[in-house]
Amino acid sequence: NGRGRRMFGREANDAAIFQAEFKQAQLMGYYAGGEVGPAVDEDAPDDQHSAFLRGNAQLQGFTAVYGLFLVPQRHAPSAPFQRAVLYGEVE
């Protein structure tokens, strides 16, 4: 893996950074040969919208991609709302 000890001085650097930021999230990953993404010139101005124009994609290496899947949790209505419903103050 190119993003390992030789690049960062420790193993699983990307996983450690992820876990430090998202302490409660579980992490799963795999090694890949790269990803398809926009080509950005190092000398491009700060306004790099041109990187996202059609036809400007190339194979990127040495990248890390994270995706978070959030599952909404069902919460009980508050006590004041329940009372309002009970007494017909809310339809």
PDB file of N, CA and C in Angstrom:
ATOM      1  N   ASN A   1       0.841  -1.185   0.000  1.00  0.00           N
ATOM      2  CA  ASN A   1       0.000   0.000   0.000  1.00  0.00           C
ATOM      3  C   ASN A   1       0.880   1.240   0.000  1.00  0.00           C
ATOM      4  N   GLY A   2       0.704   2.097  -0.960  1.00  0.00           N
ATOM      5  CA  GLY A   2       1.504   3.312  -1.069  1.00  0.00           C
ATOM      6  C   GLY A   2       1.222   4.334   0.017  1.00  0.00           C
ATOM      7  N   ARG A   3       0.080   4.230   0.700  1.00  0.00           N
ATOM      8  CA  ARG A   3      -0.264   5.205   1.734  1.00  0.00           C
ATOM      9  C   ARG A   3       0.053   4.661   3.128  1.00  0.00           C
ATOM     10  N   GLY A   4       1.057   3.822   3.219  1.00  0.00           N
ATOM     11  CA  GLY A   4       1.387   3.192   4.494  1.00  0.00           C
ATOM     12  C   GLY A   4       2.537   3.860   5.217  1.00  0.00           C
ATOM     13  N   ARG A   5       3.336   3.020   5.869  1.00  0.00           N
ATOM     14  CA  ARG A   5       4.429   3.490   6.724  1.00  0.00           C
ATOM     15  C   ARG A   5       5.433   4.371   5.990  1.00  0.00           C
ATOM     16  N   ARG A   6       5.754   4.022   4.749  1.00  0.00           N
ATOM     17  CA  ARG A   6       6.763   4.824   4.033  1.00  0.00           C
ATOM     18  C   ARG A   6       6.274   6.236   3.713  1.00  0.00           C
ATOM     19  N   MET A   7       4.989   6.402   3.549  1.00  0.00           N
ATOM     20  CA  MET A   7       4.458   7.732   3.222  1.00  0.00           C
ATOM     21  C   MET A   7       4.199   8.565   4.483  1.00  0.00           C
ATOM     22  N   PHE A   8       3.678   7.930   5.547  1.00  0.00           N
ATOM     23  CA  PHE A   8       3.256   8.673   6.732  1.00  0.00           C
ATOM     24  C   PHE A   8       4.049   8.361   7.995  1.00  0.00           C
ATOM     25  N   GLY A   9       4.915   7.362   7.946  1.00  0.00           N
ATOM     26  CA  GLY A   9       5.698   7.017   9.132  1.00  0.00           C
ATOM     27  C   GLY A   9       4.973   6.098  10.099  1.00  0.00           C
ATOM     28  N   ARG A  10       3.761   5.687   9.758  1.00  0.00           N
ATOM     29  CA  ARG A  10       3.022   4.738  10.588  1.00  0.00           C
ATOM     30  C   ARG A  10       2.011   4.011   9.714  1.00  0.00           C
ATOM     31  N   GLU A  11       1.623   2.820  10.179  1.00  0.00           N
ATOM     32  CA  GLU A  11       0.609   2.050   9.467  1.00  0.00           C
ATOM     33  C   GLU A  11      -0.781   2.620   9.767  1.00  0.00           C
ATOM     34  N   ALA A  12      -1.703   2.413   8.863  1.00  0.00           N
ATOM     35  CA  ALA A  12      -3.117   2.764   9.039  1.00  0.00           C
ATOM     36  C   ALA A  12      -3.314   4.238   9.387  1.00  0.00           C
ATOM     37  N   ASN A  13      -2.534   5.118   8.802  1.00  0.00           N
ATOM     38  CA  ASN A  13      -2.651   6.553   9.078  1.00  0.00           C
ATOM     39  C   ASN A  13      -4.041   7.081   8.732  1.00  0.00           C
ATOM     40  N   ASP A  14      -4.570   6.709   7.573  1.00  0.00           N
ATOM     41  CA  ASP A  14      -5.894   7.198   7.168  1.00  0.00           C
ATOM     42  C   ASP A  14      -6.967   6.740   8.149  1.00  0.00           C
ATOM     43  N   ALA A  15      -6.883   5.497   8.591  1.00  0.00           N
ATOM     44  CA  ALA A  15      -7.855   4.978   9.551  1.00  0.00           C
ATOM     45  C   ALA A  15      -7.742   5.703  10.886  1.00  0.00           C
ATOM     46  N   ALA A  16      -6.534   6.000  11.322  1.00  0.00           N
ATOM     47  CA  ALA A  16      -6.337   6.708  12.595  1.00  0.00           C
ATOM     48  C   ALA A  16      -6.922   8.115  12.530  1.00  0.00           C
ATOM     49  N   ILE A  17      -6.732   8.802  11.419  1.00  0.00           N
ATOM     50  CA  ILE A  17      -7.287  10.148  11.257  1.00  0.00           C
ATOM     51  C   ILE A  17      -8.808  10.092  11.250  1.00  0.00           C
ATOM     52  N   PHE A  18      -9.369   9.127  10.538  1.00  0.00           N
ATOM     53  CA  PHE A  18     -10.823   8.973  10.495  1.00  0.00           C
ATOM     54  C   PHE A  18     -11.374   8.727  11.895  1.00  0.00           C
ATOM     55  N   GLN A  19     -10.785   7.789  12.628  1.00  0.00           N
ATOM     56  CA  GLN A  19     -11.268   7.457  13.962  1.00  0.00           C
ATOM     57  C   GLN A  19     -11.122   8.626  14.935  1.00  0.00           C
ATOM     58  N   ALA A  20     -10.103   9.461  14.755  1.00  0.00           N
ATOM     59  CA  ALA A  20      -9.934  10.631  15.615  1.00  0.00           C
ATOM     60  C   ALA A  20     -11.048  11.649  15.382  1.00  0.00           C
ATOM     61  N   GLU A  21     -11.512  11.771  14.149  1.00  0.00           N
ATOM     62  CA  GLU A  21     -12.562  12.734  13.816  1.00  0.00           C
ATOM     63  C   GLU A  21     -13.960  12.195  14.072  1.00  0.00           C
ATOM     64  N   PHE A  22     -14.171  10.916  13.811  1.00  0.00           N
ATOM     65  CA  PHE A  22     -15.497  10.297  13.921  1.00  0.00           C
ATOM     66  C   PHE A  22     -15.413   9.140  14.906  1.00  0.00           C
ATOM     67  N   LYS A  23     -15.346   9.473  16.173  1.00  0.00           N
ATOM     68  CA  LYS A  23     -15.071   8.483  17.222  1.00  0.00           C
ATOM     69  C   LYS A  23     -16.116   7.366  17.316  1.00  0.00           C
ATOM     70  N   GLN A  24     -17.367   7.662  17.023  1.00  0.00           N
ATOM     71  CA  GLN A  24     -18.430   6.664  17.158  1.00  0.00           C
ATOM     72  C   GLN A  24     -18.694   5.892  15.864  1.00  0.00           C
ATOM     73  N   ALA A  25     -18.083   6.301  14.771  1.00  0.00           N
ATOM     74  CA  ALA A  25     -18.355   5.676  13.472  1.00  0.00           C
ATOM     75  C   ALA A  25     -17.487   4.438  13.274  1.00  0.00           C
ATOM     76  N   GLN A  26     -18.073   3.448  12.658  1.00  0.00           N
ATOM     77  CA  GLN A  26     -17.313   2.261  12.296  1.00  0.00           C
ATOM     78  C   GLN A  26     -16.658   2.507  10.942  1.00  0.00           C
ATOM     79  N   LEU A  27     -15.527   1.899  10.732  1.00  0.00           N
ATOM     80  CA  LEU A  27     -14.766   2.104   9.504  1.00  0.00           C
ATOM     81  C   LEU A  27     -14.522   0.772   8.824  1.00  0.00           C
ATOM     82  N   MET A  28     -14.753   0.742   7.540  1.00  0.00           N
ATOM     83  CA  MET A  28     -14.472  -0.430   6.725  1.00  0.00           C
ATOM     84  C   MET A  28     -13.752   0.079   5.487  1.00  0.00           C
ATOM     85  N   GLY A  29     -12.815  -0.648   4.988  1.00  0.00           N
ATOM     86  CA  GLY A  29     -12.102  -0.167   3.816  1.00  0.00           C
ATOM     87  C   GLY A  29     -11.472  -1.286   3.030  1.00  0.00           C
ATOM     88  N   TYR A  30     -10.880  -0.902   1.930  1.00  0.00           N
ATOM     89  CA  TYR A  30     -10.163  -1.854   1.093  1.00  0.00           C
ATOM     90  C   TYR A  30      -9.128  -1.100   0.274  1.00  0.00           C
ATOM     91  N   TYR A  31      -8.161  -1.816  -0.206  1.00  0.00           N
ATOM     92  CA  TYR A  31      -7.138  -1.225  -1.053  1.00  0.00           C
ATOM     93  C   TYR A  31      -7.610  -1.285  -2.495  1.00  0.00           C
ATOM     94  N   ALA A  32      -7.360  -0.222  -3.226  1.00  0.00           N
ATOM     95  CA  ALA A  32      -7.748  -0.173  -4.633  1.00  0.00           C
ATOM     96  C   ALA A  32      -6.583   0.399  -5.432  1.00  0.00           C
ATOM     97  N   GLY A  33      -6.679   0.276  -6.716  1.00  0.00           N
ATOM     98  CA  GLY A  33      -5.617   0.767  -7.588  1.00  0.00           C
ATOM     99  C   GLY A  33      -5.725   2.243  -7.900  1.00  0.00           C
ATOM    100  N   GLY A  34      -6.674   2.928  -7.310  1.00  0.00           N
ATOM    101  CA  GLY A  34      -6.847   4.357  -7.564  1.00  0.00           C
ATOM    102  C   GLY A  34      -8.313   4.685  -7.710  1.00  0.00           C
ATOM    103  N   GLU A  35      -8.571   5.886  -8.107  1.00  0.00           N
ATOM    104  CA  GLU A  35      -9.942   6.344  -8.313  1.00  0.00           C
ATOM    105  C   GLU A  35      -9.956   7.299  -9.494  1.00  0.00           C
ATOM    106  N   VAL A  36     -11.114   7.464 -10.083  1.00  0.00           N
ATOM    107  CA  VAL A  36     -11.265   8.414 -11.173  1.00  0.00           C
ATOM    108  C   VAL A  36     -11.712   9.727 -10.559  1.00  0.00           C
ATOM    109  N   GLY A  37     -10.970  10.777 -10.842  1.00  0.00           N
ATOM    110  CA  GLY A  37     -11.300  12.087 -10.280  1.00  0.00           C
ATOM    111  C   GLY A  37     -10.799  13.196 -11.182  1.00  0.00           C
ATOM    112  N   PRO A  38     -11.097  14.435 -10.805  1.00  0.00           N
ATOM    113  CA  PRO A  38     -10.703  15.569 -11.641  1.00  0.00           C
ATOM    114  C   PRO A  38      -9.194  15.794 -11.623  1.00  0.00           C
ATOM    115  N   ALA A  39      -8.673  16.195 -12.758  1.00  0.00           N
ATOM    116  CA  ALA A  39      -7.263  16.544 -12.851  1.00  0.00           C
ATOM    117  C   ALA A  39      -7.107  18.001 -12.449  1.00  0.00           C
ATOM    118  N   VAL A  40      -6.244  18.278 -11.487  1.00  0.00           N
ATOM    119  CA  VAL A  40      -6.023  19.642 -11.016  1.00  0.00           C
ATOM    120  C   VAL A  40      -4.558  19.974 -11.223  1.00  0.00           C
ATOM    121  N   ASP A  41      -4.310  21.060 -11.907  1.00  0.00           N
ATOM    122  CA  ASP A  41      -2.951  21.522 -12.149  1.00  0.00           C
ATOM    123  C   ASP A  41      -2.436  22.217 -10.895  1.00  0.00           C
ATOM    124  N   GLU A  42      -1.220  21.900 -10.473  1.00  0.00           N
ATOM    125  CA  GLU A  42      -0.654  22.527  -9.277  1.00  0.00           C
ATOM    126  C   GLU A  42      -0.568  24.039  -9.405  1.00  0.00           C
ATOM    127  N   ASP A  43      -0.402  24.529 -10.631  1.00  0.00           N
ATOM    128  CA  ASP A  43      -0.260  25.964 -10.847  1.00  0.00           C
ATOM    129  C   ASP A  43      -1.587  26.655 -11.108  1.00  0.00           C
ATOM    130  N   ALA A  44      -2.693  25.916 -10.938  1.00  0.00           N
ATOM    131  CA  ALA A  44      -4.018  26.495 -11.191  1.00  0.00           C
ATOM    132  C   ALA A  44      -4.329  27.547 -10.135  1.00  0.00           C
ATOM    133  N   PRO A  45      -5.115  28.566 -10.501  1.00  0.00           N
ATOM    134  CA  PRO A  45      -5.499  29.569  -9.506  1.00  0.00           C
ATOM    135  C   PRO A  45      -6.382  28.953  -8.427  1.00  0.00           C
ATOM    136  N   ASP A  46      -6.586  29.694  -7.341  1.00  0.00           N
ATOM    137  CA  ASP A  46      -7.398  29.188  -6.227  1.00  0.00           C
ATOM    138  C   ASP A  46      -8.803  28.809  -6.664  1.00  0.00           C
ATOM    139  N   ASP A  47      -9.329  29.502  -7.660  1.00  0.00           N
ATOM    140  CA  ASP A  47     -10.663  29.187  -8.177  1.00  0.00           C
ATOM    141  C   ASP A  47     -10.504  28.021  -9.151  1.00  0.00           C
ATOM    142  N   GLN A  48     -10.602  26.787  -8.651  1.00  0.00           N
ATOM    143  CA  GLN A  48     -10.305  25.598  -9.451  1.00  0.00           C
ATOM    144  C   GLN A  48     -11.558  24.937 -10.006  1.00  0.00           C
ATOM    145  N   HIS A  49     -12.556  25.732 -10.360  1.00  0.00           N
ATOM    146  CA  HIS A  49     -13.782  25.152 -10.911  1.00  0.00           C
ATOM    147  C   HIS A  49     -13.498  24.397 -12.206  1.00  0.00           C
ATOM    148  N   SER A  50     -12.447  24.751 -12.914  1.00  0.00           N
ATOM    149  CA  SER A  50     -12.138  24.075 -14.167  1.00  0.00           C
ATOM    150  C   SER A  50     -11.842  22.596 -13.949  1.00  0.00           C
ATOM    151  N   ALA A  51     -11.450  22.222 -12.729  1.00  0.00           N
ATOM    152  CA  ALA A  51     -11.148  20.823 -12.439  1.00  0.00           C
ATOM    153  C   ALA A  51     -12.393  19.955 -12.564  1.00  0.00           C
ATOM    154  N   PHE A  52     -13.557  20.545 -12.432  1.00  0.00           N
ATOM    155  CA  PHE A  52     -14.792  19.769 -12.445  1.00  0.00           C
ATOM    156  C   PHE A  52     -15.538  19.868 -13.765  1.00  0.00           C
ATOM    157  N   LEU A  53     -14.900  20.426 -14.765  1.00  0.00           N
ATOM    158  CA  LEU A  53     -15.522  20.505 -16.079  1.00  0.00           C
ATOM    159  C   LEU A  53     -15.497  19.143 -16.741  1.00  0.00           C
ATOM    160  N   ARG A  54     -16.438  18.909 -17.610  1.00  0.00           N
ATOM    161  CA  ARG A  54     -16.544  17.631 -18.323  1.00  0.00           C
ATOM    162  C   ARG A  54     -15.261  17.357 -19.110  1.00  0.00           C
ATOM    163  N   GLY A  55     -14.850  16.114 -19.096  1.00  0.00           N
ATOM    164  CA  GLY A  55     -13.680  15.707 -19.874  1.00  0.00           C
ATOM    165  C   GLY A  55     -12.362  15.947 -19.173  1.00  0.00           C
ATOM    166  N   ASN A  56     -12.394  16.301 -17.905  1.00  0.00           N
ATOM    167  CA  ASN A  56     -11.160  16.612 -17.196  1.00  0.00           C
ATOM    168  C   ASN A  56     -10.851  15.561 -16.121  1.00  0.00           C
ATOM    169  N   ALA A  57     -11.228  14.315 -16.362  1.00  0.00           N
ATOM    170  CA  ALA A  57     -11.008  13.264 -15.377  1.00  0.00           C
ATOM    171  C   ALA A  57      -9.777  12.438 -15.725  1.00  0.00           C
ATOM    172  N   GLN A  58      -9.159  11.917 -14.694  1.00  0.00           N
ATOM    173  CA  GLN A  58      -8.021  11.022 -14.889  1.00  0.00           C
ATOM    174  C   GLN A  58      -7.950  10.069 -13.702  1.00  0.00           C
ATOM    175  N   LEU A  59      -7.156   9.020 -13.844  1.00  0.00           N
ATOM    176  CA  LEU A  59      -6.968   8.067 -12.764  1.00  0.00           C
ATOM    177  C   LEU A  59      -6.051   8.693 -11.720  1.00  0.00           C
ATOM    178  N   GLN A  60      -6.523   8.744 -10.480  1.00  0.00           N
ATOM    179  CA  GLN A  60      -5.750   9.321  -9.379  1.00  0.00           C
ATOM    180  C   GLN A  60      -5.188   8.187  -8.527  1.00  0.00           C
ATOM    181  N   GLY A  61      -3.995   8.322  -8.077  1.00  0.00           N
ATOM    182  CA  GLY A  61      -3.387   7.350  -7.184  1.00  0.00           C
ATOM    183  C   GLY A  61      -3.091   7.979  -5.840  1.00  0.00           C
ATOM    184  N   PHE A  62      -2.794   7.175  -4.855  1.00  0.00           N
ATOM    185  CA  PHE A  62      -2.443   7.630  -3.510  1.00  0.00           C
ATOM    186  C   PHE A  62      -3.547   8.486  -2.908  1.00  0.00           C
ATOM    187  N   THR A  63      -4.782   8.039  -3.033  1.00  0.00           N
ATOM    188  CA  THR A  63      -5.909   8.791  -2.501  1.00  0.00           C
ATOM    189  C   THR A  63      -6.589   8.002  -1.393  1.00  0.00           C
ATOM    190  N   ALA A  64      -7.340   8.706  -0.592  1.00  0.00           N
ATOM    191  CA  ALA A  64      -8.193   8.085   0.424  1.00  0.00           C
ATOM    192  C   ALA A  64      -9.580   8.691   0.258  1.00  0.00           C
ATOM    193  N   VAL A  65     -10.585   7.846   0.213  1.00  0.00           N
ATOM    194  CA  VAL A  65     -11.962   8.300   0.042  1.00  0.00           C
ATOM    195  C   VAL A  65     -12.784   7.743   1.190  1.00  0.00           C
ATOM    196  N   TYR A  66     -13.578   8.599   1.804  1.00  0.00           N
ATOM    197  CA  TYR A  66     -14.441   8.182   2.902  1.00  0.00           C
ATOM    198  C   TYR A  66     -15.890   8.423   2.507  1.00  0.00           C
ATOM    199  N   GLY A  67     -16.758   7.546   2.935  1.00  0.00           N
ATOM    200  CA  GLY A  67     -18.192   7.736   2.762  1.00  0.00           C
ATOM    201  C   GLY A  67     -18.877   7.440   4.086  1.00  0.00           C
ATOM    202  N   LEU A  68     -19.726   8.328   4.507  1.00  0.00           N
ATOM    203  CA  LEU A  68     -20.466   8.132   5.754  1.00  0.00           C
ATOM    204  C   LEU A  68     -21.906   7.797   5.426  1.00  0.00           C
ATOM    205  N   PHE A  69     -22.415   6.755   6.045  1.00  0.00           N
ATOM    206  CA  PHE A  69     -23.802   6.364   5.883  1.00  0.00           C
ATOM    207  C   PHE A  69     -24.504   6.630   7.207  1.00  0.00           C
ATOM    208  N   LEU A  70     -25.418   7.553   7.200  1.00  0.00           N
ATOM    209  CA  LEU A  70     -26.125   7.928   8.414  1.00  0.00           C
ATOM    210  C   LEU A  70     -27.517   7.318   8.403  1.00  0.00           C
ATOM    211  N   VAL A  71     -27.885   6.694   9.494  1.00  0.00           N
ATOM    212  CA  VAL A  71     -29.211   6.101   9.644  1.00  0.00           C
ATOM    213  C   VAL A  71     -29.953   6.949  10.671  1.00  0.00           C
ATOM    214  N   PRO A  72     -31.025   7.616  10.245  1.00  0.00           N
ATOM    215  CA  PRO A  72     -31.752   8.443  11.207  1.00  0.00           C
ATOM    216  C   PRO A  72     -32.376   7.590  12.303  1.00  0.00           C
ATOM    217  N   GLN A  73     -32.385   8.122  13.498  1.00  0.00           N
ATOM    218  CA  GLN A  73     -32.986   7.423  14.622  1.00  0.00           C
ATOM    219  C   GLN A  73     -34.345   8.043  14.920  1.00  0.00           C
ATOM    220  N   ARG A  74     -35.264   7.209  15.285  1.00  0.00           N
ATOM    221  CA  ARG A  74     -36.605   7.680  15.605  1.00  0.00           C
ATOM    222  C   ARG A  74     -36.621   8.138  17.067  1.00  0.00           C
ATOM    223  N   HIS A  75     -37.079   9.351  17.274  1.00  0.00           N
ATOM    224  CA  HIS A  75     -37.144   9.913  18.621  1.00  0.00           C
ATOM    225  C   HIS A  75     -38.600  10.116  19.016  1.00  0.00           C
ATOM    226  N   ALA A  76     -38.884   9.930  20.279  1.00  0.00           N
ATOM    227  CA  ALA A  76     -40.237  10.170  20.790  1.00  0.00           C
ATOM    228  C   ALA A  76     -40.503  11.675  20.826  1.00  0.00           C
ATOM    229  N   PRO A  77     -41.735  12.074  20.555  1.00  0.00           N
ATOM    230  CA  PRO A  77     -42.065  13.494  20.638  1.00  0.00           C
ATOM    231  C   PRO A  77     -41.854  14.015  22.057  1.00  0.00           C
ATOM    232  N   SER A  78     -41.570  15.291  22.164  1.00  0.00           N
ATOM    233  CA  SER A  78     -41.347  15.883  23.477  1.00  0.00           C
ATOM    234  C   SER A  78     -42.634  15.853  24.311  1.00  0.00           C
ATOM    235  N   ALA A  79     -42.475  15.945  25.613  1.00  0.00           N
ATOM    236  CA  ALA A  79     -43.628  15.943  26.520  1.00  0.00           C
ATOM    237  C   ALA A  79     -44.577  17.110  26.240  1.00  0.00           C
ATOM    238  N   PRO A  80     -44.086  18.339  26.009  1.00  0.00           N
ATOM    239  CA  PRO A  80     -45.013  19.433  25.704  1.00  0.00           C
ATOM    240  C   PRO A  80     -45.825  19.172  24.433  1.00  0.00           C
ATOM    241  N   PHE A  81     -45.206  18.578  23.439  1.00  0.00           N
ATOM    242  CA  PHE A  81     -45.928  18.280  22.198  1.00  0.00           C
ATOM    243  C   PHE A  81     -46.985  17.203  22.448  1.00  0.00           C
ATOM    244  N   GLN A  82     -46.627  16.180  23.220  1.00  0.00           N
ATOM    245  CA  GLN A  82     -47.597  15.125  23.533  1.00  0.00           C
ATOM    246  C   GLN A  82     -48.808  15.695  24.280  1.00  0.00           C
ATOM    247  N   ARG A  83     -48.572  16.618  25.231  1.00  0.00           N
ATOM    248  CA  ARG A  83     -49.680  17.249  25.955  1.00  0.00           C
ATOM    249  C   ARG A  83     -50.552  18.065  25.009  1.00  0.00           C
ATOM    250  N   ALA A  84     -49.915  18.796  24.080  1.00  0.00           N
ATOM    251  CA  ALA A  84     -50.673  19.606  23.132  1.00  0.00           C
ATOM    252  C   ALA A  84     -51.563  18.739  22.262  1.00  0.00           C
ATOM    253  N   VAL A  85     -51.063  17.585  21.847  1.00  0.00           N
ATOM    254  CA  VAL A  85     -51.862  16.656  21.041  1.00  0.00           C
ATOM    255  C   VAL A  85     -53.006  16.098  21.891  1.00  0.00           C
ATOM    256  N   LEU A  86     -52.689  15.732  23.137  1.00  0.00           N
ATOM    257  CA  LEU A  86     -53.690  15.166  24.037  1.00  0.00           C
ATOM    258  C   LEU A  86     -54.853  16.134  24.275  1.00  0.00           C
ATOM    259  N   TYR A  87     -54.561  17.396  24.407  1.00  0.00           N
ATOM    260  CA  TYR A  87     -55.590  18.380  24.686  1.00  0.00           C
ATOM    261  C   TYR A  87     -56.134  19.064  23.433  1.00  0.00           C
ATOM    262  N   GLY A  88     -55.811  18.524  22.259  1.00  0.00           N
ATOM    263  CA  GLY A  88     -56.388  19.015  21.015  1.00  0.00           C
ATOM    264  C   GLY A  88     -55.845  20.353  20.549  1.00  0.00           C
ATOM    265  N   GLU A  89     -54.684  20.748  21.050  1.00  0.00           N
ATOM    266  CA  GLU A  89     -54.094  22.027  20.646  1.00  0.00           C
ATOM    267  C   GLU A  89     -53.338  21.905  19.324  1.00  0.00           C
ATOM    268  N   VAL A  90     -53.092  20.687  18.902  1.00  0.00           N
ATOM    269  CA  VAL A  90     -52.382  20.428  17.638  1.00  0.00           C
ATOM    270  C   VAL A  90     -53.204  19.447  16.842  1.00  0.00           C
ATOM    271  N   GLU A  91     -53.339  19.703  15.566  1.00  0.00           N
ATOM    272  CA  GLU A  91     -54.106  18.779  14.698  1.00  0.00           C
ATOM    273  C   GLU A  91     -53.222  17.675  14.182  1.00  0.00           C
TER     274      GLU A  91
END
